[in-house]
Amino acid sequence: MQQNKKLKRSDEPIWWGLFSGGGVCFAVFLPSVIFFYGLLLPLELVTLDYQQASQWFFSFWGLVFVGAVIILPAFHSLHRIRHALYDVKFQQKTLIKWLTMGFAALLSLASLLIWVLGL
């Protein structure tokens, strides 16, 4: 017996991949960023002038930094919010998915736009 059923493709692996990457960034990069900007710089154990910071931030590694500290954690947290809304029985799953993942994409585009324009 042959099944003529066409399998529906899911976009869930993409969202779970971004969720996973964001979790890793939350666990690895964010504590070091907090340590550096929240402790080392205020205690003046490390000095960083505007010229140095600007030159580094607008390099390739600055782009990686933006991705690791802003974009992936945004997808991670909004994916958590999305599934929390599912857990409390909000029935509009498609709307919730578009709102949460759309907001994460919007935050990502805004942070990349700020990085590109150098604001």
PDB file of N, CA and C in Angstrom:
ATOM      1  N   MET A   1       0.845  -1.179   0.000  1.00  0.00           N
ATOM      2  CA  MET A   1       0.000   0.000   0.000  1.00  0.00           C
ATOM      3  C   MET A   1       0.888   1.239   0.000  1.00  0.00           C
ATOM      4  N   GLN A   2       0.634   2.135  -0.938  1.00  0.00           N
ATOM      5  CA  GLN A   2       1.446   3.342  -1.082  1.00  0.00           C
ATOM      6  C   GLN A   2       0.680   4.536  -0.511  1.00  0.00           C
ATOM      7  N   GLN A   3       1.405   5.342   0.200  1.00  0.00           N
ATOM      8  CA  GLN A   3       0.765   6.535   0.753  1.00  0.00           C
ATOM      9  C   GLN A   3       1.061   7.713  -0.151  1.00  0.00           C
ATOM     10  N   ASN A   4       0.028   8.413  -0.527  1.00  0.00           N
ATOM     11  CA  ASN A   4       0.182   9.593  -1.375  1.00  0.00           C
ATOM     12  C   ASN A   4       0.222  10.876  -0.563  1.00  0.00           C
ATOM     13  N   LYS A   5       0.430  10.717   0.698  1.00  0.00           N
ATOM     14  CA  LYS A   5       0.458  11.870   1.588  1.00  0.00           C
ATOM     15  C   LYS A   5       1.755  12.646   1.397  1.00  0.00           C
ATOM     16  N   LYS A   6       1.648  13.923   1.173  1.00  0.00           N
ATOM     17  CA  LYS A   6       2.834  14.762   1.042  1.00  0.00           C
ATOM     18  C   LYS A   6       3.217  15.281   2.428  1.00  0.00           C
ATOM     19  N   LEU A   7       4.471  15.125   2.775  1.00  0.00           N
ATOM     20  CA  LEU A   7       4.925  15.585   4.079  1.00  0.00           C
ATOM     21  C   LEU A   7       5.013  17.098   4.098  1.00  0.00           C
ATOM     22  N   LYS A   8       4.515  17.668   5.160  1.00  0.00           N
ATOM     23  CA  LYS A   8       4.562  19.117   5.320  1.00  0.00           C
ATOM     24  C   LYS A   8       5.911  19.501   5.920  1.00  0.00           C
ATOM     25  N   ARG A   9       6.552  20.466   5.305  1.00  0.00           N
ATOM     26  CA  ARG A   9       7.823  20.947   5.841  1.00  0.00           C
ATOM     27  C   ARG A   9       7.563  21.891   7.002  1.00  0.00           C
ATOM     28  N   SER A  10       8.425  21.804   7.977  1.00  0.00           N
ATOM     29  CA  SER A  10       8.286  22.641   9.164  1.00  0.00           C
ATOM     30  C   SER A  10       9.456  23.618   9.237  1.00  0.00           C
ATOM     31  N   ASP A  11       9.178  24.798   9.768  1.00  0.00           N
ATOM     32  CA  ASP A  11      10.244  25.773   9.985  1.00  0.00           C
ATOM     33  C   ASP A  11      10.779  25.712  11.416  1.00  0.00           C
ATOM     34  N   GLU A  12      10.291  24.772  12.199  1.00  0.00           N
ATOM     35  CA  GLU A  12      10.701  24.659  13.602  1.00  0.00           C
ATOM     36  C   GLU A  12      12.209  24.433  13.783  1.00  0.00           C
ATOM     37  N   PRO A  13      12.890  23.631  12.941  1.00  0.00           N
ATOM     38  CA  PRO A  13      14.338  23.471  13.152  1.00  0.00           C
ATOM     39  C   PRO A  13      15.102  24.786  13.094  1.00  0.00           C
ATOM     40  N   ILE A  14      14.649  25.723  12.275  1.00  0.00           N
ATOM     41  CA  ILE A  14      15.312  27.031  12.207  1.00  0.00           C
ATOM     42  C   ILE A  14      15.167  27.752  13.540  1.00  0.00           C
ATOM     43  N   TRP A  15      13.935  27.798  14.067  1.00  0.00           N
ATOM     44  CA  TRP A  15      13.685  28.520  15.324  1.00  0.00           C
ATOM     45  C   TRP A  15      14.381  27.836  16.494  1.00  0.00           C
ATOM     46  N   TRP A  16      14.382  26.501  16.512  1.00  0.00           N
ATOM     47  CA  TRP A  16      15.067  25.800  17.595  1.00  0.00           C
ATOM     48  C   TRP A  16      16.577  25.976  17.501  1.00  0.00           C
ATOM     49  N   GLY A  17      17.101  26.084  16.285  1.00  0.00           N
ATOM     50  CA  GLY A  17      18.539  26.352  16.117  1.00  0.00           C
ATOM     51  C   GLY A  17      18.916  27.722  16.646  1.00  0.00           C
ATOM     52  N   LEU A  18      18.091  28.740  16.324  1.00  0.00           N
ATOM     53  CA  LEU A  18      18.343  30.090  16.847  1.00  0.00           C
ATOM     54  C   LEU A  18      18.183  30.123  18.362  1.00  0.00           C
ATOM     55  N   PHE A  19      17.188  29.387  18.869  1.00  0.00           N
ATOM     56  CA  PHE A  19      16.977  29.283  20.315  1.00  0.00           C
ATOM     57  C   PHE A  19      18.209  28.686  20.986  1.00  0.00           C
ATOM     58  N   SER A  20      18.724  27.608  20.415  1.00  0.00           N
ATOM     59  CA  SER A  20      19.896  26.941  20.975  1.00  0.00           C
ATOM     60  C   SER A  20      21.129  27.844  20.933  1.00  0.00           C
ATOM     61  N   GLY A  21      21.345  28.494  19.803  1.00  0.00           N
ATOM     62  CA  GLY A  21      22.477  29.412  19.690  1.00  0.00           C
ATOM     63  C   GLY A  21      22.377  30.557  20.678  1.00  0.00           C
ATOM     64  N   GLY A  22      21.169  31.069  20.865  1.00  0.00           N
ATOM     65  CA  GLY A  22      20.962  32.141  21.839  1.00  0.00           C
ATOM     66  C   GLY A  22      21.219  31.684  23.260  1.00  0.00           C
ATOM     67  N   GLY A  23      20.844  30.447  23.570  1.00  0.00           N
ATOM     68  CA  GLY A  23      21.117  29.909  24.904  1.00  0.00           C
ATOM     69  C   GLY A  23      22.602  29.797  25.181  1.00  0.00           C
ATOM     70  N   VAL A  24      23.344  29.370  24.177  1.00  0.00           N
ATOM     71  CA  VAL A  24      24.800  29.274  24.322  1.00  0.00           C
ATOM     72  C   VAL A  24      25.395  30.667  24.529  1.00  0.00           C
ATOM     73  N   CYS A  25      24.908  31.637  23.763  1.00  0.00           N
ATOM     74  CA  CYS A  25      25.425  33.007  23.917  1.00  0.00           C
ATOM     75  C   CYS A  25      25.083  33.581  25.286  1.00  0.00           C
ATOM     76  N   PHE A  26      23.859  33.291  25.771  1.00  0.00           N
ATOM     77  CA  PHE A  26      23.495  33.730  27.120  1.00  0.00           C
ATOM     78  C   PHE A  26      24.445  33.123  28.147  1.00  0.00           C
ATOM     79  N   ALA A  27      24.789  31.863  27.972  1.00  0.00           N
ATOM     80  CA  ALA A  27      25.610  31.167  28.964  1.00  0.00           C
ATOM     81  C   ALA A  27      27.094  31.509  28.863  1.00  0.00           C
ATOM     82  N   VAL A  28      27.592  31.794  27.668  1.00  0.00           N
ATOM     83  CA  VAL A  28      29.027  31.970  27.483  1.00  0.00           C
ATOM     84  C   VAL A  28      29.425  33.433  27.371  1.00  0.00           C
ATOM     85  N   PHE A  29      28.790  34.158  26.449  1.00  0.00           N
ATOM     86  CA  PHE A  29      29.243  35.516  26.144  1.00  0.00           C
ATOM     87  C   PHE A  29      28.694  36.572  27.096  1.00  0.00           C
ATOM     88  N   LEU A  30      27.427  36.484  27.459  1.00  0.00           N
ATOM     89  CA  LEU A  30      26.838  37.526  28.288  1.00  0.00           C
ATOM     90  C   LEU A  30      27.507  37.677  29.655  1.00  0.00           C
ATOM     91  N   PRO A  31      27.853  36.593  30.357  1.00  0.00           N
ATOM     92  CA  PRO A  31      28.567  36.786  31.625  1.00  0.00           C
ATOM     93  C   PRO A  31      29.902  37.512  31.450  1.00  0.00           C
ATOM     94  N   SER A  32      30.619  37.227  30.354  1.00  0.00           N
ATOM     95  CA  SER A  32      31.893  37.927  30.152  1.00  0.00           C
ATOM     96  C   SER A  32      31.676  39.388  29.793  1.00  0.00           C
ATOM     97  N   VAL A  33      30.622  39.683  29.054  1.00  0.00           N
ATOM     98  CA  VAL A  33      30.312  41.078  28.733  1.00  0.00           C
ATOM     99  C   VAL A  33      29.937  41.839  30.004  1.00  0.00           C
ATOM    100  N   ILE A  34      29.129  41.219  30.841  1.00  0.00           N
ATOM    101  CA  ILE A  34      28.746  41.849  32.110  1.00  0.00           C
ATOM    102  C   ILE A  34      29.969  42.047  32.997  1.00  0.00           C
ATOM    103  N   PHE A  35      30.834  41.051  33.042  1.00  0.00           N
ATOM    104  CA  PHE A  35      32.060  41.159  33.832  1.00  0.00           C
ATOM    105  C   PHE A  35      32.936  42.307  33.334  1.00  0.00           C
ATOM    106  N   PHE A  36      33.089  42.399  32.013  1.00  0.00           N
ATOM    107  CA  PHE A  36      33.953  43.421  31.434  1.00  0.00           C
ATOM    108  C   PHE A  36      33.363  44.817  31.615  1.00  0.00           C
ATOM    109  N   TYR A  37      32.115  45.006  31.165  1.00  0.00           N
ATOM    110  CA  TYR A  37      31.495  46.333  31.209  1.00  0.00           C
ATOM    111  C   TYR A  37      30.948  46.707  32.581  1.00  0.00           C
ATOM    112  N   GLY A  38      30.609  45.720  33.377  1.00  0.00           N
ATOM    113  CA  GLY A  38      30.021  46.008  34.678  1.00  0.00           C
ATOM    114  C   GLY A  38      30.991  46.028  35.833  1.00  0.00           C
ATOM    115  N   LEU A  39      32.168  45.412  35.635  1.00  0.00           N
ATOM    116  CA  LEU A  39      33.109  45.341  36.745  1.00  0.00           C
ATOM    117  C   LEU A  39      34.498  45.891  36.383  1.00  0.00           C
ATOM    118  N   LEU A  40      35.083  45.380  35.321  1.00  0.00           N
ATOM    119  CA  LEU A  40      36.450  45.785  34.987  1.00  0.00           C
ATOM    120  C   LEU A  40      36.555  47.250  34.564  1.00  0.00           C
ATOM    121  N   LEU A  41      35.655  47.700  33.713  1.00  0.00           N
ATOM    122  CA  LEU A  41      35.713  49.105  33.278  1.00  0.00           C
ATOM    123  C   LEU A  41      35.383  50.088  34.410  1.00  0.00           C
ATOM    124  N   PRO A  42      34.307  49.884  35.182  1.00  0.00           N
ATOM    125  CA  PRO A  42      34.026  50.837  36.267  1.00  0.00           C
ATOM    126  C   PRO A  42      35.109  50.885  37.344  1.00  0.00           C
ATOM    127  N   LEU A  43      35.753  49.756  37.607  1.00  0.00           N
ATOM    128  CA  LEU A  43      36.831  49.741  38.601  1.00  0.00           C
ATOM    129  C   LEU A  43      38.160  50.189  38.010  1.00  0.00           C
ATOM    130  N   GLU A  44      38.153  50.538  36.728  1.00  0.00           N
ATOM    131  CA  GLU A  44      39.330  51.006  35.993  1.00  0.00           C
ATOM    132  C   GLU A  44      40.481  50.010  36.031  1.00  0.00           C
ATOM    133  N   LEU A  45      40.140  48.732  36.046  1.00  0.00           N
ATOM    134  CA  LEU A  45      41.153  47.693  35.923  1.00  0.00           C
ATOM    135  C   LEU A  45      41.549  47.520  34.459  1.00  0.00           C
ATOM    136  N   VAL A  46      40.675  47.957  33.573  1.00  0.00           N
ATOM    137  CA  VAL A  46      40.915  47.958  32.132  1.00  0.00           C
ATOM    138  C   VAL A  46      40.535  49.336  31.627  1.00  0.00           C
ATOM    139  N   THR A  47      41.349  49.885  30.750  1.00  0.00           N
ATOM    140  CA  THR A  47      41.001  51.176  30.161  1.00  0.00           C
ATOM    141  C   THR A  47      40.619  50.969  28.702  1.00  0.00           C
ATOM    142  N   LEU A  48      39.644  51.732  28.280  1.00  0.00           N
ATOM    143  CA  LEU A  48      39.144  51.623  26.912  1.00  0.00           C
ATOM    144  C   LEU A  48      38.646  52.996  26.504  1.00  0.00           C
ATOM    145  N   ASP A  49      39.351  53.626  25.580  1.00  0.00           N
ATOM    146  CA  ASP A  49      38.903  54.936  25.135  1.00  0.00           C
ATOM    147  C   ASP A  49      37.935  54.782  23.957  1.00  0.00           C
ATOM    148  N   TYR A  50      37.296  55.875  23.620  1.00  0.00           N
ATOM    149  CA  TYR A  50      36.263  55.844  22.585  1.00  0.00           C
ATOM    150  C   TYR A  50      36.826  55.394  21.245  1.00  0.00           C
ATOM    151  N   GLN A  51      37.994  55.869  20.885  1.00  0.00           N
ATOM    152  CA  GLN A  51      38.597  55.523  19.590  1.00  0.00           C
ATOM    153  C   GLN A  51      38.842  54.016  19.488  1.00  0.00           C
ATOM    154  N   GLN A  52      39.394  53.427  20.533  1.00  0.00           N
ATOM    155  CA  GLN A  52      39.637  51.979  20.557  1.00  0.00           C
ATOM    156  C   GLN A  52      38.324  51.200  20.448  1.00  0.00           C
ATOM    157  N   ALA A  53      37.355  51.591  21.257  1.00  0.00           N
ATOM    158  CA  ALA A  53      36.072  50.891  21.286  1.00  0.00           C
ATOM    159  C   ALA A  53      35.370  50.997  19.942  1.00  0.00           C
ATOM    160  N   SER A  54      35.368  52.173  19.357  1.00  0.00           N
ATOM    161  CA  SER A  54      34.719  52.378  18.068  1.00  0.00           C
ATOM    162  C   SER A  54      35.406  51.576  16.969  1.00  0.00           C
ATOM    163  N   GLN A  55      36.711  51.570  16.962  1.00  0.00           N
ATOM    164  CA  GLN A  55      37.457  50.832  15.947  1.00  0.00           C
ATOM    165  C   GLN A  55      37.187  49.333  16.060  1.00  0.00           C
ATOM    166  N   TRP A  56      37.149  48.824  17.274  1.00  0.00           N
ATOM    167  CA  TRP A  56      36.891  47.404  17.458  1.00  0.00           C
ATOM    168  C   TRP A  56      35.446  47.053  17.146  1.00  0.00           C
ATOM    169  N   PHE A  57      34.515  47.869  17.628  1.00  0.00           N
ATOM    170  CA  PHE A  57      33.095  47.553  17.477  1.00  0.00           C
ATOM    171  C   PHE A  57      32.678  47.526  16.014  1.00  0.00           C
ATOM    172  N   PHE A  58      33.236  48.386  15.184  1.00  0.00           N
ATOM    173  CA  PHE A  58      32.849  48.443  13.777  1.00  0.00           C
ATOM    174  C   PHE A  58      33.753  47.605  12.882  1.00  0.00           C
ATOM    175  N   SER A  59      34.420  46.613  13.461  1.00  0.00           N
ATOM    176  CA  SER A  59      35.192  45.655  12.689  1.00  0.00           C
ATOM    177  C   SER A  59      34.355  44.380  12.518  1.00  0.00           C
ATOM    178  N   PHE A  60      34.937  43.385  11.874  1.00  0.00           N
ATOM    179  CA  PHE A  60      34.252  42.103  11.717  1.00  0.00           C
ATOM    180  C   PHE A  60      33.921  41.493  13.074  1.00  0.00           C
ATOM    181  N   TRP A  61      34.845  41.591  14.021  1.00  0.00           N
ATOM    182  CA  TRP A  61      34.613  41.000  15.347  1.00  0.00           C
ATOM    183  C   TRP A  61      33.536  41.743  16.113  1.00  0.00           C
ATOM    184  N   GLY A  62      33.371  43.014  15.813  1.00  0.00           N
ATOM    185  CA  GLY A  62      32.254  43.748  16.394  1.00  0.00           C
ATOM    186  C   GLY A  62      30.924  43.229  15.898  1.00  0.00           C
ATOM    187  N   LEU A  63      30.875  42.867  14.619  1.00  0.00           N
ATOM    188  CA  LEU A  63      29.662  42.273  14.058  1.00  0.00           C
ATOM    189  C   LEU A  63      29.364  40.932  14.719  1.00  0.00           C
ATOM    190  N   VAL A  64      30.388  40.127  14.932  1.00  0.00           N
ATOM    191  CA  VAL A  64      30.208  38.852  15.631  1.00  0.00           C
ATOM    192  C   VAL A  64      29.709  39.107  17.052  1.00  0.00           C
ATOM    193  N   PHE A  65      30.252  40.131  17.694  1.00  0.00           N
ATOM    194  CA  PHE A  65      29.835  40.516  19.044  1.00  0.00           C
ATOM    195  C   PHE A  65      28.358  40.889  19.068  1.00  0.00           C
ATOM    196  N   VAL A  66      27.919  41.699  18.106  1.00  0.00           N
ATOM    197  CA  VAL A  66      26.510  42.095  18.034  1.00  0.00           C
ATOM    198  C   VAL A  66      25.633  40.858  17.866  1.00  0.00           C
ATOM    199  N   GLY A  67      26.063  39.943  17.011  1.00  0.00           N
ATOM    200  CA  GLY A  67      25.291  38.721  16.811  1.00  0.00           C
ATOM    201  C   GLY A  67      25.221  37.865  18.053  1.00  0.00           C
ATOM    202  N   ALA A  68      26.344  37.762  18.759  1.00  0.00           N
ATOM    203  CA  ALA A  68      26.411  36.882  19.920  1.00  0.00           C
ATOM    204  C   ALA A  68      25.757  37.474  21.161  1.00  0.00           C
ATOM    205  N   VAL A  69      25.719  38.783  21.260  1.00  0.00           N
ATOM    206  CA  VAL A  69      25.229  39.398  22.491  1.00  0.00           C
ATOM    207  C   VAL A  69      23.830  39.998  22.333  1.00  0.00           C
ATOM    208  N   ILE A  70      23.419  40.298  21.126  1.00  0.00           N
ATOM    209  CA  ILE A  70      22.105  40.917  20.926  1.00  0.00           C
ATOM    210  C   ILE A  70      21.170  40.017  20.133  1.00  0.00           C
ATOM    211  N   ILE A  71      21.589  39.588  18.951  1.00  0.00           N
ATOM    212  CA  ILE A  71      20.669  38.931  18.030  1.00  0.00           C
ATOM    213  C   ILE A  71      20.267  37.531  18.498  1.00  0.00           C
ATOM    214  N   LEU A  72      21.224  36.670  18.757  1.00  0.00           N
ATOM    215  CA  LEU A  72      20.867  35.307  19.166  1.00  0.00           C
ATOM    216  C   LEU A  72      20.132  35.261  20.507  1.00  0.00           C
ATOM    217  N   PRO A  73      20.538  36.028  21.527  1.00  0.00           N
ATOM    218  CA  PRO A  73      19.737  36.037  22.749  1.00  0.00           C
ATOM    219  C   PRO A  73      18.318  36.584  22.547  1.00  0.00           C
ATOM    220  N   ALA A  74      18.133  37.496  21.586  1.00  0.00           N
ATOM    221  CA  ALA A  74      16.774  37.983  21.298  1.00  0.00           C
ATOM    222  C   ALA A  74      15.906  36.839  20.787  1.00  0.00           C
ATOM    223  N   PHE A  75      16.440  36.044  19.861  1.00  0.00           N
ATOM    224  CA  PHE A  75      15.676  34.898  19.372  1.00  0.00           C
ATOM    225  C   PHE A  75      15.433  33.880  20.478  1.00  0.00           C
ATOM    226  N   HIS A  76      16.429  33.682  21.330  1.00  0.00           N
ATOM    227  CA  HIS A  76      16.289  32.735  22.435  1.00  0.00           C
ATOM    228  C   HIS A  76      15.152  33.161  23.370  1.00  0.00           C
ATOM    229  N   SER A  77      15.191  34.394  23.815  1.00  0.00           N
ATOM    230  CA  SER A  77      14.197  34.843  24.789  1.00  0.00           C
ATOM    231  C   SER A  77      12.798  34.916  24.178  1.00  0.00           C
ATOM    232  N   LEU A  78      12.689  35.365  22.941  1.00  0.00           N
ATOM    233  CA  LEU A  78      11.360  35.437  22.332  1.00  0.00           C
ATOM    234  C   LEU A  78      10.814  34.056  21.980  1.00  0.00           C
ATOM    235  N   HIS A  79      11.679  33.099  21.733  1.00  0.00           N
ATOM    236  CA  HIS A  79      11.228  31.722  21.540  1.00  0.00           C
ATOM    237  C   HIS A  79      10.670  31.174  22.853  1.00  0.00           C
ATOM    238  N   ARG A  80      11.329  31.515  23.962  1.00  0.00           N
ATOM    239  CA  ARG A  80      10.812  31.105  25.273  1.00  0.00           C
ATOM    240  C   ARG A  80       9.446  31.739  25.557  1.00  0.00           C
ATOM    241  N   ILE A  81       9.326  33.009  25.235  1.00  0.00           N
ATOM    242  CA  ILE A  81       8.038  33.698  25.434  1.00  0.00           C
ATOM    243  C   ILE A  81       6.960  33.045  24.579  1.00  0.00           C
ATOM    244  N   ARG A  82       7.318  32.718  23.346  1.00  0.00           N
ATOM    245  CA  ARG A  82       6.362  32.068  22.437  1.00  0.00           C
ATOM    246  C   ARG A  82       5.836  30.770  23.035  1.00  0.00           C
ATOM    247  N   HIS A  83       6.739  29.909  23.509  1.00  0.00           N
ATOM    248  CA  HIS A  83       6.292  28.630  24.056  1.00  0.00           C
ATOM    249  C   HIS A  83       5.624  28.788  25.420  1.00  0.00           C
ATOM    250  N   ALA A  84       5.961  29.826  26.161  1.00  0.00           N
ATOM    251  CA  ALA A  84       5.242  30.095  27.409  1.00  0.00           C
ATOM    252  C   ALA A  84       3.793  30.485  27.106  1.00  0.00           C
ATOM    253  N   LEU A  85       3.592  31.263  26.054  1.00  0.00           N
ATOM    254  CA  LEU A  85       2.225  31.614  25.664  1.00  0.00           C
ATOM    255  C   LEU A  85       1.448  30.386  25.196  1.00  0.00           C
ATOM    256  N   TYR A  86       2.122  29.466  24.531  1.00  0.00           N
ATOM    257  CA  TYR A  86       1.461  28.204  24.158  1.00  0.00           C
ATOM    258  C   TYR A  86       1.068  27.427  25.414  1.00  0.00           C
ATOM    259  N   ASP A  87       1.962  27.439  26.414  1.00  0.00           N
ATOM    260  CA  ASP A  87       1.696  26.683  27.640  1.00  0.00           C
ATOM    261  C   ASP A  87       0.513  27.227  28.425  1.00  0.00           C
ATOM    262  N   VAL A  88       0.274  28.533  28.341  1.00  0.00           N
ATOM    263  CA  VAL A  88      -0.878  29.109  29.048  1.00  0.00           C
ATOM    264  C   VAL A  88      -2.113  29.138  28.151  1.00  0.00           C
ATOM    265  N   LYS A  89      -2.060  28.343  27.094  1.00  0.00           N
ATOM    266  CA  LYS A  89      -3.214  28.035  26.239  1.00  0.00           C
ATOM    267  C   LYS A  89      -3.709  29.172  25.362  1.00  0.00           C
ATOM    268  N   PHE A  90      -2.816  30.041  24.914  1.00  0.00           N
ATOM    269  CA  PHE A  90      -3.219  30.988  23.883  1.00  0.00           C
ATOM    270  C   PHE A  90      -3.386  30.188  22.597  1.00  0.00           C
ATOM    271  N   GLN A  91      -4.509  30.327  21.964  1.00  0.00           N
ATOM    272  CA  GLN A  91      -4.849  29.475  20.835  1.00  0.00           C
ATOM    273  C   GLN A  91      -4.350  29.988  19.491  1.00  0.00           C
ATOM    274  N   GLN A  92      -3.984  31.230  19.394  1.00  0.00           N
ATOM    275  CA  GLN A  92      -3.549  31.813  18.121  1.00  0.00           C
ATOM    276  C   GLN A  92      -2.071  31.537  17.887  1.00  0.00           C
ATOM    277  N   LYS A  93      -1.729  30.274  17.643  1.00  0.00           N
ATOM    278  CA  LYS A  93      -0.321  29.886  17.539  1.00  0.00           C
ATOM    279  C   LYS A  93       0.392  30.567  16.373  1.00  0.00           C
ATOM    280  N   THR A  94      -0.281  30.691  15.250  1.00  0.00           N
ATOM    281  CA  THR A  94       0.359  31.335  14.103  1.00  0.00           C
ATOM    282  C   THR A  94       0.625  32.804  14.387  1.00  0.00           C
ATOM    283  N   LEU A  95      -0.326  33.481  14.982  1.00  0.00           N
ATOM    284  CA  LEU A  95      -0.160  34.894  15.330  1.00  0.00           C
ATOM    285  C   LEU A  95       0.967  35.077  16.342  1.00  0.00           C
ATOM    286  N   ILE A  96       0.993  34.231  17.357  1.00  0.00           N
ATOM    287  CA  ILE A  96       2.040  34.308  18.377  1.00  0.00           C
ATOM    288  C   ILE A  96       3.407  34.085  17.743  1.00  0.00           C
ATOM    289  N   LYS A  97       3.498  33.104  16.853  1.00  0.00           N
ATOM    290  CA  LYS A  97       4.776  32.826  16.187  1.00  0.00           C
ATOM    291  C   LYS A  97       5.225  34.019  15.358  1.00  0.00           C
ATOM    292  N   TRP A  98       4.316  34.597  14.599  1.00  0.00           N
ATOM    293  CA  TRP A  98       4.678  35.752  13.773  1.00  0.00           C
ATOM    294  C   TRP A  98       5.070  36.957  14.626  1.00  0.00           C
ATOM    295  N   LEU A  99       4.352  37.180  15.725  1.00  0.00           N
ATOM    296  CA  LEU A  99       4.674  38.323  16.578  1.00  0.00           C
ATOM    297  C   LEU A  99       6.020  38.162  17.273  1.00  0.00           C
ATOM    298  N   THR A 100       6.254  37.004  17.873  1.00  0.00           N
ATOM    299  CA  THR A 100       7.496  36.829  18.631  1.00  0.00           C
ATOM    300  C   THR A 100       8.710  36.728  17.716  1.00  0.00           C
ATOM    301  N   MET A 101       8.634  35.883  16.709  1.00  0.00           N
ATOM    302  CA  MET A 101       9.783  35.734  15.810  1.00  0.00           C
ATOM    303  C   MET A 101       9.962  36.979  14.938  1.00  0.00           C
ATOM    304  N   GLY A 102       8.855  37.639  14.616  1.00  0.00           N
ATOM    305  CA  GLY A 102       8.944  38.898  13.873  1.00  0.00           C
ATOM    306  C   GLY A 102       9.613  39.984  14.698  1.00  0.00           C
ATOM    307  N   PHE A 103       9.282  40.037  15.987  1.00  0.00           N
ATOM    308  CA  PHE A 103       9.903  41.027  16.864  1.00  0.00           C
ATOM    309  C   PHE A 103      11.395  40.741  17.020  1.00  0.00           C
ATOM    310  N   ALA A 104      11.751  39.470  17.138  1.00  0.00           N
ATOM    311  CA  ALA A 104      13.177  39.108  17.220  1.00  0.00           C
ATOM    312  C   ALA A 104      13.897  39.495  15.931  1.00  0.00           C
ATOM    313  N   ALA A 105      13.264  39.245  14.798  1.00  0.00           N
ATOM    314  CA  ALA A 105      13.875  39.625  13.515  1.00  0.00           C
ATOM    315  C   ALA A 105      13.998  41.140  13.410  1.00  0.00           C
ATOM    316  N   LEU A 106      12.987  41.860  13.885  1.00  0.00           N
ATOM    317  CA  LEU A 106      13.020  43.322  13.864  1.00  0.00           C
ATOM    318  C   LEU A 106      14.146  43.859  14.749  1.00  0.00           C
ATOM    319  N   LEU A 107      14.300  43.292  15.935  1.00  0.00           N
ATOM    320  CA  LEU A 107      15.410  43.677  16.820  1.00  0.00           C
ATOM    321  C   LEU A 107      16.753  43.385  16.158  1.00  0.00           C
ATOM    322  N   SER A 108      16.845  42.254  15.486  1.00  0.00           N
ATOM    323  CA  SER A 108      18.080  41.886  14.799  1.00  0.00           C
ATOM    324  C   SER A 108      18.398  42.879  13.692  1.00  0.00           C
ATOM    325  N   LEU A 109      17.394  43.202  12.885  1.00  0.00           N
ATOM    326  CA  LEU A 109      17.612  44.162  11.803  1.00  0.00           C
ATOM    327  C   LEU A 109      17.979  45.537  12.339  1.00  0.00           C
ATOM    328  N   ALA A 110      17.329  45.948  13.422  1.00  0.00           N
ATOM    329  CA  ALA A 110      17.638  47.255  14.013  1.00  0.00           C
ATOM    330  C   ALA A 110      19.067  47.298  14.536  1.00  0.00           C
ATOM    331  N   SER A 111      19.500  46.232  15.210  1.00  0.00           N
ATOM    332  CA  SER A 111      20.866  46.234  15.735  1.00  0.00           C
ATOM    333  C   SER A 111      21.890  46.178  14.614  1.00  0.00           C
ATOM    334  N   LEU A 112      21.592  45.420  13.550  1.00  0.00           N
ATOM    335  CA  LEU A 112      22.511  45.393  12.398  1.00  0.00           C
ATOM    336  C   LEU A 112      22.532  46.731  11.670  1.00  0.00           C
ATOM    337  N   LEU A 113      21.379  47.382  11.586  1.00  0.00           N
ATOM    338  CA  LEU A 113      21.309  48.685  10.944  1.00  0.00           C
ATOM    339  C   LEU A 113      22.120  49.721  11.733  1.00  0.00           C
ATOM    340  N   ILE A 114      21.994  49.685  13.032  1.00  0.00           N
ATOM    341  CA  ILE A 114      22.778  50.584  13.876  1.00  0.00           C
ATOM    342  C   ILE A 114      24.267  50.289  13.703  1.00  0.00           C
ATOM    343  N   TRP A 115      24.619  49.007  13.631  1.00  0.00           N
ATOM    344  CA  TRP A 115      26.027  48.636  13.439  1.00  0.00           C
ATOM    345  C   TRP A 115      26.535  49.130  12.086  1.00  0.00           C
ATOM    346  N   VAL A 116      25.748  48.937  11.035  1.00  0.00           N
ATOM    347  CA  VAL A 116      26.187  49.333   9.687  1.00  0.00           C
ATOM    348  C   VAL A 116      26.299  50.846   9.564  1.00  0.00           C
ATOM    349  N   LEU A 117      25.321  51.563  10.098  1.00  0.00           N
ATOM    350  CA  LEU A 117      25.326  53.013   9.981  1.00  0.00           C
ATOM    351  C   LEU A 117      26.291  53.672  10.959  1.00  0.00           C
ATOM    352  N   GLY A 118      26.719  52.935  11.953  1.00  0.00           N
ATOM    353  CA  GLY A 118      27.684  53.479  12.913  1.00  0.00           C
ATOM    354  C   GLY A 118      27.091  54.495  13.857  1.00  0.00           C
ATOM    355  N   LEU A 119      25.853  54.293  14.243  1.00  0.00           N
ATOM    356  CA  LEU A 119      25.189  55.249  15.154  1.00  0.00           C
ATOM    357  C   LEU A 119      25.638  55.056  16.573  1.00  0.00           C
TER     358      LEU A 119
END
